[in-house]
Every structure is written in C-alpha cells, then in structure tokens.
C-alpha cells in the first residue's frame, strides 16, 4: 500500500510542478510520476528535508526539485526541436 501512495504523491508533485512552470510534462501521468520521483531526489539533495513529509517525500523540496527538472527538460526538448 505504501508504494501506491508513493506513486500517487509522486504524480501529484509532478503535476503541481508542471502547473507552476506552465509546461506539460512529456508522457502524461507516467511523466508526472517520474518527474515527481526524480524531482524529489533532486530537491531533497539540494534543499534537504524541510517542510511536511508525505509518503516518504519532503513536499516542498520535492516540488522545487520537480520544477527544476521540468525546466531543464523543457530547455533540452526545445534545443532538440530546433
């Protein structure tokens, strides 16, 4: 059951980050989950584990990390398309 909650929270983190940055994550729901998980790793390594914790994710650093990840991915995709 814990893994299911982690998938849901990871997807929500990726979705919120995509709303903040104004770019959709490639891959839809799966992309949001991946962005949430990778963003959480990035955010927690940069910002630590401040703020509330839900399903193993420190929410604030996870969202910040996902925003950074989506921004970098969008820059790379824009460069590839040109």
C-alpha atoms as a PDB file:
ATOM      1  CA  UNK A   1       0.000   0.000   0.000  1.00  0.00           C
ATOM      2  CA  UNK A   2       2.928   2.330   0.672  1.00  0.00           C
ATOM      3  CA  UNK A   3       4.139   2.010  -2.919  1.00  0.00           C
ATOM      4  CA  UNK A   4       0.725   3.015  -4.238  1.00  0.00           C
ATOM      5  CA  UNK A   5       0.734   6.141  -2.051  1.00  0.00           C
ATOM      6  CA  UNK A   6       4.246   6.961  -3.272  1.00  0.00           C
ATOM      7  CA  UNK A   7       3.041   6.721  -6.895  1.00  0.00           C
ATOM      8  CA  UNK A   8       0.067   8.971  -6.180  1.00  0.00           C
ATOM      9  CA  UNK A   9       2.112  11.561  -4.293  1.00  0.00           C
ATOM     10  CA  UNK A  10       4.876  11.452  -6.929  1.00  0.00           C
ATOM     11  CA  UNK A  11       2.300  12.056  -9.653  1.00  0.00           C
ATOM     12  CA  UNK A  12       0.776  14.956  -7.736  1.00  0.00           C
ATOM     13  CA  UNK A  13       4.202  16.511  -7.177  1.00  0.00           C
ATOM     14  CA  UNK A  14       4.972  16.297 -10.904  1.00  0.00           C
ATOM     15  CA  UNK A  15       1.553  17.729 -11.761  1.00  0.00           C
ATOM     16  CA  UNK A  16       1.898  20.663  -9.342  1.00  0.00           C
ATOM     17  CA  UNK A  17       5.393  21.391 -10.652  1.00  0.00           C
ATOM     18  CA  UNK A  18       4.110  21.415 -14.234  1.00  0.00           C
ATOM     19  CA  UNK A  19       1.375  23.860 -13.201  1.00  0.00           C
ATOM     20  CA  UNK A  20       3.929  26.130 -11.522  1.00  0.00           C
ATOM     21  CA  UNK A  21       6.254  26.206 -14.513  1.00  0.00           C
ATOM     22  CA  UNK A  22       3.435  26.282 -17.078  1.00  0.00           C
ATOM     23  CA  UNK A  23       4.771  23.381 -19.153  1.00  0.00           C
ATOM     24  CA  UNK A  24       3.249  19.938 -19.515  1.00  0.00           C
ATOM     25  CA  UNK A  25       5.441  17.013 -18.629  1.00  0.00           C
ATOM     26  CA  UNK A  26       6.003  14.712 -21.611  1.00  0.00           C
ATOM     27  CA  UNK A  27       4.412  11.322 -21.021  1.00  0.00           C
ATOM     28  CA  UNK A  28       1.244  12.372 -19.229  1.00  0.00           C
ATOM     29  CA  UNK A  29       0.564  10.656 -15.926  1.00  0.00           C
ATOM     30  CA  UNK A  30       3.653   8.447 -16.138  1.00  0.00           C
ATOM     31  CA  UNK A  31       5.751  11.542 -16.896  1.00  0.00           C
ATOM     32  CA  UNK A  32       4.291  13.299 -13.852  1.00  0.00           C
ATOM     33  CA  UNK A  33       5.138  10.340 -11.624  1.00  0.00           C
ATOM     34  CA  UNK A  34       8.689  10.170 -12.984  1.00  0.00           C
ATOM     35  CA  UNK A  35       9.119  13.942 -12.622  1.00  0.00           C
ATOM     36  CA  UNK A  36       7.827  13.694  -9.053  1.00  0.00           C
ATOM     37  CA  UNK A  37      10.236  10.921  -8.093  1.00  0.00           C
ATOM     38  CA  UNK A  38      13.311  12.384  -9.799  1.00  0.00           C
ATOM     39  CA  UNK A  39      12.351  15.889  -8.673  1.00  0.00           C
ATOM     40  CA  UNK A  40      12.087  14.655  -5.085  1.00  0.00           C
ATOM     41  CA  UNK A  41      15.589  13.203  -5.286  1.00  0.00           C
ATOM     42  CA  UNK A  42      16.967  16.423  -6.775  1.00  0.00           C
ATOM     43  CA  UNK A  43      15.082  18.664  -4.355  1.00  0.00           C
ATOM     44  CA  UNK A  44      15.972  16.695  -1.252  1.00  0.00           C
ATOM     45  CA  UNK A  45      19.644  16.568  -2.213  1.00  0.00           C
ATOM     46  CA  UNK A  46      19.716  20.357  -2.758  1.00  0.00           C
ATOM     47  CA  UNK A  47      17.281  21.635  -0.107  1.00  0.00           C
ATOM     48  CA  UNK A  48      17.208  18.827   2.463  1.00  0.00           C
ATOM     49  CA  UNK A  49      14.012  17.546   4.026  1.00  0.00           C
ATOM     50  CA  UNK A  50      12.346  20.757   5.189  1.00  0.00           C
ATOM     51  CA  UNK A  51       8.592  21.023   5.408  1.00  0.00           C
ATOM     52  CA  UNK A  52       5.906  18.380   5.691  1.00  0.00           C
ATOM     53  CA  UNK A  53       6.557  14.773   4.749  1.00  0.00           C
ATOM     54  CA  UNK A  54       4.034  12.662   2.855  1.00  0.00           C
ATOM     55  CA  UNK A  55       4.598   9.084   1.650  1.00  0.00           C
ATOM     56  CA  UNK A  56       8.357   9.480   2.055  1.00  0.00           C
ATOM     57  CA  UNK A  57       8.524  12.759   0.122  1.00  0.00           C
ATOM     58  CA  UNK A  58       9.512  16.057   1.731  1.00  0.00           C
ATOM     59  CA  UNK A  59       6.843  18.007  -0.163  1.00  0.00           C
ATOM     60  CA  UNK A  60       8.444  21.460  -0.537  1.00  0.00           C
ATOM     61  CA  UNK A  61      11.894  20.268  -1.717  1.00  0.00           C
ATOM     62  CA  UNK A  62      10.237  17.660  -3.952  1.00  0.00           C
ATOM     63  CA  UNK A  63       8.131  20.285  -5.728  1.00  0.00           C
ATOM     64  CA  UNK A  64      11.122  22.623  -6.091  1.00  0.00           C
ATOM     65  CA  UNK A  65      13.223  19.767  -7.483  1.00  0.00           C
ATOM     66  CA  UNK A  66      10.470  18.781  -9.917  1.00  0.00           C
ATOM     67  CA  UNK A  67      10.197  22.403 -11.100  1.00  0.00           C
ATOM     68  CA  UNK A  68      13.966  22.434 -11.734  1.00  0.00           C
ATOM     69  CA  UNK A  69      13.758  19.103 -13.568  1.00  0.00           C
ATOM     70  CA  UNK A  70      10.820  20.144 -15.787  1.00  0.00           C
ATOM     71  CA  UNK A  71      12.548  23.429 -16.624  1.00  0.00           C
ATOM     72  CA  UNK A  72      15.763  21.641 -17.658  1.00  0.00           C
ATOM     73  CA  UNK A  73      13.867  19.003 -19.665  1.00  0.00           C
ATOM     74  CA  UNK A  74      11.867  21.714 -21.467  1.00  0.00           C
ATOM     75  CA  UNK A  75      15.108  23.533 -22.369  1.00  0.00           C
ATOM     76  CA  UNK A  76      16.615  20.321 -23.734  1.00  0.00           C
ATOM     77  CA  UNK A  77      13.486  19.465 -25.734  1.00  0.00           C
ATOM     78  CA  UNK A  78      13.353  22.998 -27.165  1.00  0.00           C
ATOM     79  CA  UNK A  79      17.022  22.744 -28.220  1.00  0.00           C
ATOM     80  CA  UNK A  80      16.435  19.367 -29.870  1.00  0.00           C
ATOM     81  CA  UNK A  81      13.438  20.638 -31.837  1.00  0.00           C
ATOM     82  CA  UNK A  82      15.446  23.494 -33.386  1.00  0.00           C
END
